[in-house]
PDB file of N, CA and C in Angstrom:
ATOM      1  N   MET A   1       5.142 -10.684   1.661  1.00  0.00           N
ATOM      2  CA  MET A   1       4.391  -9.356   1.150  1.00  0.00           C
ATOM      3  C   MET A   1       4.247  -8.572   2.458  1.00  0.00           C
ATOM      4  N   SER A   2       4.932  -7.497   2.356  1.00  0.00           N
ATOM      5  CA  SER A   2       4.760  -6.385   3.554  1.00  0.00           C
ATOM      6  C   SER A   2       3.656  -5.477   3.560  1.00  0.00           C
ATOM      7  N   ILE A   3       3.175  -5.024   4.513  1.00  0.00           N
ATOM      8  CA  ILE A   3       1.964  -3.876   4.641  1.00  0.00           C
ATOM      9  C   ILE A   3       2.514  -2.855   3.872  1.00  0.00           C
ATOM     10  N   THR A   4       3.848  -2.370   3.966  1.00  0.00           N
ATOM     11  CA  THR A   4       4.444  -1.217   3.425  1.00  0.00           C
ATOM     12  C   THR A   4       4.590  -1.595   1.849  1.00  0.00           C
ATOM     13  N   HIS A   5       4.925  -2.634   1.363  1.00  0.00           N
ATOM     14  CA  HIS A   5       4.952  -2.967  -0.093  1.00  0.00           C
ATOM     15  C   HIS A   5       3.439  -2.601  -0.527  1.00  0.00           C
ATOM     16  N   LEU A   6       2.469  -3.353   0.249  1.00  0.00           N
ATOM     17  CA  LEU A   6       1.047  -3.183  -0.450  1.00  0.00           C
ATOM     18  C   LEU A   6       0.511  -1.582  -0.209  1.00  0.00           C
ATOM     19  N   GLN A   7       1.102  -0.942   0.811  1.00  0.00           N
ATOM     20  CA  GLN A   7       0.756   0.492   0.815  1.00  0.00           C
ATOM     21  C   GLN A   7       1.335   1.166  -0.415  1.00  0.00           C
ATOM     22  N   SER A   8       2.460   0.957  -0.596  1.00  0.00           N
ATOM     23  CA  SER A   8       3.353   1.555  -1.667  1.00  0.00           C
ATOM     24  C   SER A   8       2.468   1.055  -3.277  1.00  0.00           C
ATOM     25  N   PHE A   9       2.367  -0.033  -3.211  1.00  0.00           N
ATOM     26  CA  PHE A   9       1.597  -0.776  -4.449  1.00  0.00           C
ATOM     27  C   PHE A   9       0.260   0.103  -4.772  1.00  0.00           C
ATOM     28  N   VAL A  10      -0.556   0.222  -3.657  1.00  0.00           N
ATOM     29  CA  VAL A  10      -1.785   0.855  -3.848  1.00  0.00           C
ATOM     30  C   VAL A  10      -1.782   2.502  -4.211  1.00  0.00           C
ATOM     31  N   ALA A  11      -0.714   2.969  -3.634  1.00  0.00           N
ATOM     32  CA  ALA A  11      -0.631   4.404  -4.060  1.00  0.00           C
ATOM     33  C   ALA A  11      -0.109   4.560  -5.307  1.00  0.00           C
ATOM     34  N   VAL A  12       0.936   3.808  -5.862  1.00  0.00           N
ATOM     35  CA  VAL A  12       1.290   3.927  -7.309  1.00  0.00           C
ATOM     36  C   VAL A  12       0.120   3.639  -8.060  1.00  0.00           C
ATOM     37  N   ALA A  13      -0.763   2.574  -7.813  1.00  0.00           N
ATOM     38  CA  ALA A  13      -1.711   2.071  -8.638  1.00  0.00           C
ATOM     39  C   ALA A  13      -2.707   3.268  -8.823  1.00  0.00           C
ATOM     40  N   GLU A  14      -3.002   3.992  -7.678  1.00  0.00           N
ATOM     41  CA  GLU A  14      -4.128   5.101  -7.525  1.00  0.00           C
ATOM     42  C   GLU A  14      -3.650   6.256  -8.259  1.00  0.00           C
ATOM     43  N   GLU A  15      -2.310   6.494  -8.069  1.00  0.00           N
ATOM     44  CA  GLU A  15      -1.632   7.662  -8.517  1.00  0.00           C
ATOM     45  C   GLU A  15      -1.301   7.733 -10.209  1.00  0.00           C
ATOM     46  N   GLY A  16      -0.828   6.652 -10.401  1.00  0.00           N
ATOM     47  CA  GLY A  16      -0.412   6.044 -11.876  1.00  0.00           C
ATOM     48  C   GLY A  16       0.980   6.786 -11.891  1.00  0.00           C
ATOM     49  N   HIS A  17       1.597   7.365 -11.035  1.00  0.00           N
ATOM     50  CA  HIS A  17       2.909   7.825 -11.022  1.00  0.00           C
ATOM     51  C   HIS A  17       3.787   7.755  -9.787  1.00  0.00           C
ATOM     52  N   VAL A  18       4.966   7.223 -10.029  1.00  0.00           N
ATOM     53  CA  VAL A  18       5.906   7.076  -8.717  1.00  0.00           C
ATOM     54  C   VAL A  18       5.887   8.409  -8.074  1.00  0.00           C
ATOM     55  N   GLY A  19       6.295   9.226  -8.629  1.00  0.00           N
ATOM     56  CA  GLY A  19       6.602  10.764  -7.975  1.00  0.00           C
ATOM     57  C   GLY A  19       5.399  11.107  -7.132  1.00  0.00           C
ATOM     58  N   ARG A  20       4.374  10.975  -7.600  1.00  0.00           N
ATOM     59  CA  ARG A  20       2.969  11.485  -6.804  1.00  0.00           C
ATOM     60  C   ARG A  20       2.735  10.682  -5.828  1.00  0.00           C
ATOM     61  N   ALA A  21       2.964   9.344  -5.882  1.00  0.00           N
ATOM     62  CA  ALA A  21       2.731   8.307  -5.012  1.00  0.00           C
ATOM     63  C   ALA A  21       3.686   8.624  -3.815  1.00  0.00           C
ATOM     64  N   ALA A  22       4.915   8.760  -4.206  1.00  0.00           N
ATOM     65  CA  ALA A  22       5.983   9.057  -3.133  1.00  0.00           C
ATOM     66  C   ALA A  22       5.609  10.224  -2.301  1.00  0.00           C
ATOM     67  N   LEU A  23       5.118  11.476  -2.952  1.00  0.00           N
ATOM     68  CA  LEU A  23       4.636  12.569  -2.268  1.00  0.00           C
ATOM     69  C   LEU A  23       3.670  12.200  -1.188  1.00  0.00           C
ATOM     70  N   ARG A  24       2.682  11.563  -1.692  1.00  0.00           N
ATOM     71  CA  ARG A  24       1.457  10.897  -1.009  1.00  0.00           C
ATOM     72  C   ARG A  24       2.037  10.314   0.162  1.00  0.00           C
ATOM     73  N   LEU A  25       2.854   9.214   0.043  1.00  0.00           N
ATOM     74  CA  LEU A  25       3.399   8.443   1.214  1.00  0.00           C
ATOM     75  C   LEU A  25       4.772   9.007   2.010  1.00  0.00           C
ATOM     76  N   HIS A  26       5.014  10.256   1.646  1.00  0.00           N
ATOM     77  CA  HIS A  26       6.041  11.019   2.495  1.00  0.00           C
ATOM     78  C   HIS A  26       7.369  10.321   2.233  1.00  0.00           C
ATOM     79  N   LEU A  27       7.510   9.839   0.952  1.00  0.00           N
ATOM     80  CA  LEU A  27       8.782   8.991   0.791  1.00  0.00           C
ATOM     81  C   LEU A  27       9.535   9.682  -0.332  1.00  0.00           C
ATOM     82  N   THR A  28      10.742   9.308  -0.762  1.00  0.00           N
ATOM     83  CA  THR A  28      11.423   9.623  -2.001  1.00  0.00           C
ATOM     84  C   THR A  28      11.118   8.641  -2.913  1.00  0.00           C
ATOM     85  N   GLN A  29      11.423   8.849  -4.137  1.00  0.00           N
ATOM     86  CA  GLN A  29      11.014   8.045  -5.332  1.00  0.00           C
ATOM     87  C   GLN A  29      11.819   6.559  -5.244  1.00  0.00           C
ATOM     88  N   PRO A  30      13.099   6.659  -5.073  1.00  0.00           N
ATOM     89  CA  PRO A  30      14.053   5.491  -5.063  1.00  0.00           C
ATOM     90  C   PRO A  30      13.507   4.380  -3.980  1.00  0.00           C
ATOM     91  N   PRO A  31      13.006   4.703  -2.630  1.00  0.00           N
ATOM     92  CA  PRO A  31      12.702   3.493  -1.994  1.00  0.00           C
ATOM     93  C   PRO A  31      11.518   3.081  -2.342  1.00  0.00           C
ATOM     94  N   LEU A  32      10.423   3.982  -2.866  1.00  0.00           N
ATOM     95  CA  LEU A  32       8.996   3.520  -3.455  1.00  0.00           C
ATOM     96  C   LEU A  32       9.326   2.760  -4.505  1.00  0.00           C
ATOM     97  N   SER A  33      10.273   2.883  -5.312  1.00  0.00           N
ATOM     98  CA  SER A  33      10.354   2.108  -6.599  1.00  0.00           C
ATOM     99  C   SER A  33      10.880   0.821  -6.268  1.00  0.00           C
ATOM    100  N   ARG A  34      11.902   0.734  -5.091  1.00  0.00           N
ATOM    101  CA  ARG A  34      12.440  -0.500  -4.640  1.00  0.00           C
ATOM    102  C   ARG A  34      11.358  -1.360  -4.048  1.00  0.00           C
ATOM    103  N   HIS A  35      10.221  -0.838  -3.409  1.00  0.00           N
ATOM    104  CA  HIS A  35       9.067  -1.553  -2.641  1.00  0.00           C
ATOM    105  C   HIS A  35       8.327  -2.251  -3.947  1.00  0.00           C
ATOM    106  N   ILE A  36       8.291  -1.477  -5.010  1.00  0.00           N
ATOM    107  CA  ILE A  36       7.502  -2.085  -5.997  1.00  0.00           C
ATOM    108  C   ILE A  36       8.118  -3.076  -6.685  1.00  0.00           C
ATOM    109  N   LEU A  37       9.558  -2.949  -6.984  1.00  0.00           N
ATOM    110  CA  LEU A  37      10.295  -3.960  -7.514  1.00  0.00           C
ATOM    111  C   LEU A  37      10.376  -5.293  -6.860  1.00  0.00           C
ATOM    112  N   ALA A  38      10.515  -4.976  -5.428  1.00  0.00           N
ATOM    113  CA  ALA A  38      10.555  -6.193  -4.447  1.00  0.00           C
ATOM    114  C   ALA A  38       9.305  -6.975  -4.414  1.00  0.00           C
ATOM    115  N   LEU A  39       7.980  -6.209  -4.505  1.00  0.00           N
ATOM    116  CA  LEU A  39       6.624  -7.002  -4.702  1.00  0.00           C
ATOM    117  C   LEU A  39       6.699  -7.693  -5.883  1.00  0.00           C
ATOM    118  N   GLU A  40       7.092  -7.116  -6.893  1.00  0.00           N
ATOM    119  CA  GLU A  40       7.131  -7.699  -8.255  1.00  0.00           C
ATOM    120  C   GLU A  40       8.004  -9.086  -8.312  1.00  0.00           C
ATOM    121  N   ASP A  41       9.176  -8.834  -7.683  1.00  0.00           N
ATOM    122  CA  ASP A  41       9.982  -9.871  -7.651  1.00  0.00           C
ATOM    123  C   ASP A  41       9.454 -11.165  -6.635  1.00  0.00           C
ATOM    124  N   GLU A  42       8.918 -10.781  -5.668  1.00  0.00           N
ATOM    125  CA  GLU A  42       8.226 -11.721  -4.897  1.00  0.00           C
ATOM    126  C   GLU A  42       7.119 -12.414  -5.365  1.00  0.00           C
ATOM    127  N   LEU A  43       6.360 -11.823  -6.251  1.00  0.00           N
ATOM    128  CA  LEU A  43       5.242 -12.171  -7.078  1.00  0.00           C
ATOM    129  C   LEU A  43       5.614 -13.181  -8.076  1.00  0.00           C
ATOM    130  N   GLY A  44       6.872 -12.768  -8.796  1.00  0.00           N
ATOM    131  CA  GLY A  44       7.375 -13.287  -9.783  1.00  0.00           C
ATOM    132  C   GLY A  44       6.849 -12.663 -11.042  1.00  0.00           C
ATOM    133  N   THR A  45       6.251 -11.532 -11.092  1.00  0.00           N
ATOM    134  CA  THR A  45       5.489 -11.007 -12.381  1.00  0.00           C
ATOM    135  C   THR A  45       5.447  -9.623 -12.338  1.00  0.00           C
ATOM    136  N   PRO A  46       5.607  -8.869 -13.371  1.00  0.00           N
ATOM    137  CA  PRO A  46       5.243  -7.385 -13.306  1.00  0.00           C
ATOM    138  C   PRO A  46       4.078  -7.059 -12.809  1.00  0.00           C
ATOM    139  N   LEU A  47       3.849  -5.976 -12.276  1.00  0.00           N
ATOM    140  CA  LEU A  47       2.406  -5.415 -11.865  1.00  0.00           C
ATOM    141  C   LEU A  47       2.037  -4.206 -12.535  1.00  0.00           C
ATOM    142  N   PHE A  48       3.241  -3.490 -13.187  1.00  0.00           N
ATOM    143  CA  PHE A  48       2.838  -2.215 -13.829  1.00  0.00           C
ATOM    144  C   PHE A  48       3.477  -2.325 -15.081  1.00  0.00           C
ATOM    145  N   GLU A  49       3.050  -1.648 -16.149  1.00  0.00           N
ATOM    146  CA  GLU A  49       3.712  -1.199 -17.433  1.00  0.00           C
ATOM    147  C   GLU A  49       4.247   0.056 -16.995  1.00  0.00           C
ATOM    148  N   ARG A  50       5.659   0.253 -17.329  1.00  0.00           N
ATOM    149  CA  ARG A  50       6.287   1.659 -17.274  1.00  0.00           C
ATOM    150  C   ARG A  50       6.097   2.435 -18.639  1.00  0.00           C
ATOM    151  N   ILE A  51       5.360   3.394 -18.358  1.00  0.00           N
ATOM    152  CA  ILE A  51       5.110   4.420 -19.649  1.00  0.00           C
ATOM    153  C   ILE A  51       5.632   5.594 -19.500  1.00  0.00           C
ATOM    154  N   PRO A  52       6.014   6.342 -20.434  1.00  0.00           N
ATOM    155  CA  PRO A  52       6.609   7.677 -20.466  1.00  0.00           C
ATOM    156  C   PRO A  52       6.286   8.658 -19.318  1.00  0.00           C
ATOM    157  N   ARG A  53       5.042   8.634 -19.060  1.00  0.00           N
ATOM    158  CA  ARG A  53       4.556   9.547 -18.083  1.00  0.00           C
ATOM    159  C   ARG A  53       3.895   9.065 -16.799  1.00  0.00           C
ATOM    160  N   GLY A  54       4.602   7.822 -16.584  1.00  0.00           N
ATOM    161  CA  GLY A  54       4.150   7.221 -15.366  1.00  0.00           C
ATOM    162  C   GLY A  54       3.855   5.624 -15.400  1.00  0.00           C
ATOM    163  N   MET A  55       3.061   5.098 -14.496  1.00  0.00           N
ATOM    164  CA  MET A  55       2.886   3.759 -14.418  1.00  0.00           C
ATOM    165  C   MET A  55       1.395   3.352 -14.722  1.00  0.00           C
ATOM    166  N   ARG A  56       1.247   2.328 -15.355  1.00  0.00           N
ATOM    167  CA  ARG A  56      -0.110   1.712 -15.703  1.00  0.00           C
ATOM    168  C   ARG A  56      -0.293   0.218 -15.319  1.00  0.00           C
ATOM    169  N   LEU A  57      -1.229  -0.013 -14.526  1.00  0.00           N
ATOM    170  CA  LEU A  57      -1.515  -1.436 -14.046  1.00  0.00           C
ATOM    171  C   LEU A  57      -1.505  -2.366 -15.157  1.00  0.00           C
ATOM    172  N   LEU A  58      -1.148  -3.492 -14.986  1.00  0.00           N
ATOM    173  CA  LEU A  58      -1.175  -4.613 -16.060  1.00  0.00           C
ATOM    174  C   LEU A  58      -2.242  -5.469 -15.257  1.00  0.00           C
ATOM    175  N   PRO A  59      -2.758  -6.452 -16.068  1.00  0.00           N
ATOM    176  CA  PRO A  59      -3.916  -7.478 -15.623  1.00  0.00           C
ATOM    177  C   PRO A  59      -3.392  -7.976 -14.260  1.00  0.00           C
ATOM    178  N   THR A  60      -2.127  -8.315 -14.093  1.00  0.00           N
ATOM    179  CA  THR A  60      -1.655  -8.776 -12.882  1.00  0.00           C
ATOM    180  C   THR A  60      -1.803  -7.856 -11.583  1.00  0.00           C
ATOM    181  N   GLY A  61      -1.522  -6.655 -11.964  1.00  0.00           N
ATOM    182  CA  GLY A  61      -1.711  -5.590 -10.835  1.00  0.00           C
ATOM    183  C   GLY A  61      -3.350  -5.299 -10.583  1.00  0.00           C
ATOM    184  N   GLU A  62      -4.073  -5.354 -11.670  1.00  0.00           N
ATOM    185  CA  GLU A  62      -5.436  -5.174 -11.425  1.00  0.00           C
ATOM    186  C   GLU A  62      -5.970  -6.431 -10.411  1.00  0.00           C
ATOM    187  N   ALA A  63      -5.414  -7.550 -10.688  1.00  0.00           N
ATOM    188  CA  ALA A  63      -5.692  -8.717  -9.792  1.00  0.00           C
ATOM    189  C   ALA A  63      -5.454  -8.361  -8.414  1.00  0.00           C
ATOM    190  N   LEU A  64      -4.248  -7.946  -8.146  1.00  0.00           N
ATOM    191  CA  LEU A  64      -3.662  -7.593  -6.765  1.00  0.00           C
ATOM    192  C   LEU A  64      -4.572  -6.693  -6.076  1.00  0.00           C
ATOM    193  N   LEU A  65      -4.787  -5.425  -6.987  1.00  0.00           N
ATOM    194  CA  LEU A  65      -5.341  -4.237  -6.364  1.00  0.00           C
ATOM    195  C   LEU A  65      -6.397  -4.463  -5.399  1.00  0.00           C
ATOM    196  N   HIS A  66      -7.711  -5.173  -5.534  1.00  0.00           N
ATOM    197  CA  HIS A  66      -8.653  -5.387  -4.789  1.00  0.00           C
ATOM    198  C   HIS A  66      -8.309  -5.951  -3.631  1.00  0.00           C
ATOM    199  N   HIS A  67      -7.395  -7.069  -3.643  1.00  0.00           N
ATOM    200  CA  HIS A  67      -7.059  -7.688  -2.441  1.00  0.00           C
ATOM    201  C   HIS A  67      -6.135  -6.793  -1.532  1.00  0.00           C
ATOM    202  N   ALA A  68      -5.117  -6.031  -2.125  1.00  0.00           N
ATOM    203  CA  ALA A  68      -4.477  -5.046  -1.329  1.00  0.00           C
ATOM    204  C   ALA A  68      -5.218  -4.247  -0.775  1.00  0.00           C
ATOM    205  N   ARG A  69      -6.211  -3.497  -1.395  1.00  0.00           N
ATOM    206  CA  ARG A  69      -7.107  -2.516  -0.538  1.00  0.00           C
ATOM    207  C   ARG A  69      -7.742  -3.248   0.608  1.00  0.00           C
ATOM    208  N   ARG A  70      -8.349  -4.409   0.199  1.00  0.00           N
ATOM    209  CA  ARG A  70      -8.977  -5.143   1.266  1.00  0.00           C
ATOM    210  C   ARG A  70      -8.128  -5.455   2.555  1.00  0.00           C
ATOM    211  N   ILE A  71      -6.909  -5.782   2.264  1.00  0.00           N
ATOM    212  CA  ILE A  71      -5.921  -6.164   3.425  1.00  0.00           C
ATOM    213  C   ILE A  71      -5.702  -4.939   4.121  1.00  0.00           C
ATOM    214  N   LEU A  72      -5.440  -3.864   3.397  1.00  0.00           N
ATOM    215  CA  LEU A  72      -5.139  -2.608   4.214  1.00  0.00           C
ATOM    216  C   LEU A  72      -6.239  -2.121   5.007  1.00  0.00           C
ATOM    217  N   ALA A  73      -7.405  -2.196   4.477  1.00  0.00           N
ATOM    218  CA  ALA A  73      -8.704  -1.881   5.098  1.00  0.00           C
ATOM    219  C   ALA A  73      -8.771  -2.753   6.416  1.00  0.00           C
ATOM    220  N   GLU A  74      -8.385  -4.049   6.480  1.00  0.00           N
ATOM    221  CA  GLU A  74      -8.656  -4.833   7.615  1.00  0.00           C
ATOM    222  C   GLU A  74      -7.516  -4.465   8.532  1.00  0.00           C
ATOM    223  N   VAL A  75      -6.296  -4.262   8.213  1.00  0.00           N
ATOM    224  CA  VAL A  75      -5.299  -3.862   9.048  1.00  0.00           C
ATOM    225  C   VAL A  75      -5.657  -2.472   9.716  1.00  0.00           C
ATOM    226  N   ASP A  76      -6.305  -1.515   9.272  1.00  0.00           N
ATOM    227  CA  ASP A  76      -6.902  -0.442   9.845  1.00  0.00           C
ATOM    228  C   ASP A  76      -7.823  -0.566  10.827  1.00  0.00           C
ATOM    229  N   ALA A  77      -8.729  -1.644  10.342  1.00  0.00           N
ATOM    230  CA  ALA A  77      -9.996  -1.927  11.416  1.00  0.00           C
ATOM    231  C   ALA A  77      -9.375  -2.543  12.527  1.00  0.00           C
ATOM    232  N   ALA A  78      -8.512  -3.500  12.237  1.00  0.00           N
ATOM    233  CA  ALA A  78      -7.825  -4.148  13.530  1.00  0.00           C
ATOM    234  C   ALA A  78      -7.156  -3.050  14.377  1.00  0.00           C
ATOM    235  N   ALA A  79      -6.451  -2.118  13.987  1.00  0.00           N
ATOM    236  CA  ALA A  79      -6.078  -1.118  14.797  1.00  0.00           C
ATOM    237  C   ALA A  79      -6.805  -0.415  15.465  1.00  0.00           C
ATOM    238  N   ASP A  80      -7.949   0.126  14.750  1.00  0.00           N
ATOM    239  CA  ASP A  80      -9.042   0.748  15.233  1.00  0.00           C
ATOM    240  C   ASP A  80      -9.811  -0.099  16.406  1.00  0.00           C
ATOM    241  N   THR A  81      -9.889  -1.463  16.233  1.00  0.00           N
ATOM    242  CA  THR A  81     -10.460  -2.219  17.223  1.00  0.00           C
ATOM    243  C   THR A  81      -9.798  -2.254  18.436  1.00  0.00           C
ATOM    244  N   VAL A  82      -8.520  -2.593  18.371  1.00  0.00           N
ATOM    245  CA  VAL A  82      -7.435  -2.488  19.599  1.00  0.00           C
ATOM    246  C   VAL A  82      -7.580  -1.131  20.257  1.00  0.00           C
ATOM    247  N   ARG A  83      -7.413  -0.123  19.583  1.00  0.00           N
ATOM    248  CA  ARG A  83      -7.658   1.140  20.189  1.00  0.00           C
ATOM    249  C   ARG A  83      -8.819   1.529  21.019  1.00  0.00           C
ATOM    250  N   ALA A  84      -9.906   1.100  20.549  1.00  0.00           N
ATOM    251  CA  ALA A  84     -11.146   1.089  21.197  1.00  0.00           C
ATOM    252  C   ALA A  84     -11.312   0.385  22.374  1.00  0.00           C
ATOM    253  N   ALA A  85     -10.557  -0.888  22.298  1.00  0.00           N
ATOM    254  CA  ALA A  85     -10.690  -1.891  23.432  1.00  0.00           C
ATOM    255  C   ALA A  85      -9.877  -1.257  24.659  1.00  0.00           C
ATOM    256  N   ALA A  86      -8.548  -0.649  24.196  1.00  0.00           N
ATOM    257  CA  ALA A  86      -7.822   0.032  25.167  1.00  0.00           C
ATOM    258  C   ALA A  86      -8.440   1.139  25.709  1.00  0.00           C
ATOM    259  N   ARG A  87      -9.330   1.938  25.039  1.00  0.00           N
ATOM    260  CA  ARG A  87      -9.982   3.198  25.785  1.00  0.00           C
ATOM    261  C   ARG A  87     -11.149   2.598  26.754  1.00  0.00           C
ATOM    262  N   ASP A  88     -11.756   1.479  26.432  1.00  0.00           N
ATOM    263  CA  ASP A  88     -12.840   0.889  27.043  1.00  0.00           C
ATOM    264  C   ASP A  88     -12.411   0.329  28.254  1.00  0.00           C
ATOM    265  N   SER A  89     -10.916  -0.257  28.564  1.00  0.00           N
ATOM    266  CA  SER A  89     -10.643  -0.773  29.500  1.00  0.00           C
ATOM    267  C   SER A  89      -9.814   0.065  30.549  1.00  0.00           C
ATOM    268  N   ARG A  90      -9.621   1.342  30.231  1.00  0.00           N
ATOM    269  CA  ARG A  90      -8.918   2.277  31.169  1.00  0.00           C
ATOM    270  C   ARG A  90      -9.825   2.408  32.382  1.00  0.00           C
ATOM    271  N   PRO A  91      -9.411   2.515  33.496  1.00  0.00           N
ATOM    272  CA  PRO A  91     -10.166   2.975  34.642  1.00  0.00           C
ATOM    273  C   PRO A  91     -10.664   4.363  34.557  1.00  0.00           C
ATOM    274  N   PRO A  92     -11.785   4.727  35.085  1.00  0.00           N
ATOM    275  CA  PRO A  92     -12.393   6.110  34.989  1.00  0.00           C
ATOM    276  C   PRO A  92     -11.582   7.037  35.833  1.00  0.00           C
ATOM    277  N   PRO A  93     -11.434   8.337  35.303  1.00  0.00           N
ATOM    278  CA  PRO A  93     -10.654   9.331  35.982  1.00  0.00           C
ATOM    279  C   PRO A  93     -11.313   9.442  37.339  1.00  0.00           C
ATOM    280  N   ARG A  94     -10.540   9.749  38.379  1.00  0.00           N
ATOM    281  CA  ARG A  94     -11.084  10.161  39.593  1.00  0.00           C
ATOM    282  C   ARG A  94     -11.406  11.480  39.812  1.00  0.00           C
TER     283      ARG A  94
END
């Protein structure tokens, strides 16, 4: 399960539409759809119901959404911590 797949999943879940999620992520629809399909394949279950006007989370998707958001928040927090440590360890300007 990659960070990219989780980011794609959360965007589609929040937007309810692959096209809007693709715009949000600065992707085209085909790669975004492949990310979702790869995640579903890896987990062995569909996460969304494909409906005429978009995508609707299934109970399996609802179960993943909370975890995916938490994982992505932890990744962001880790990056912020490392950046702060890098700033703090730089020698002062002369």
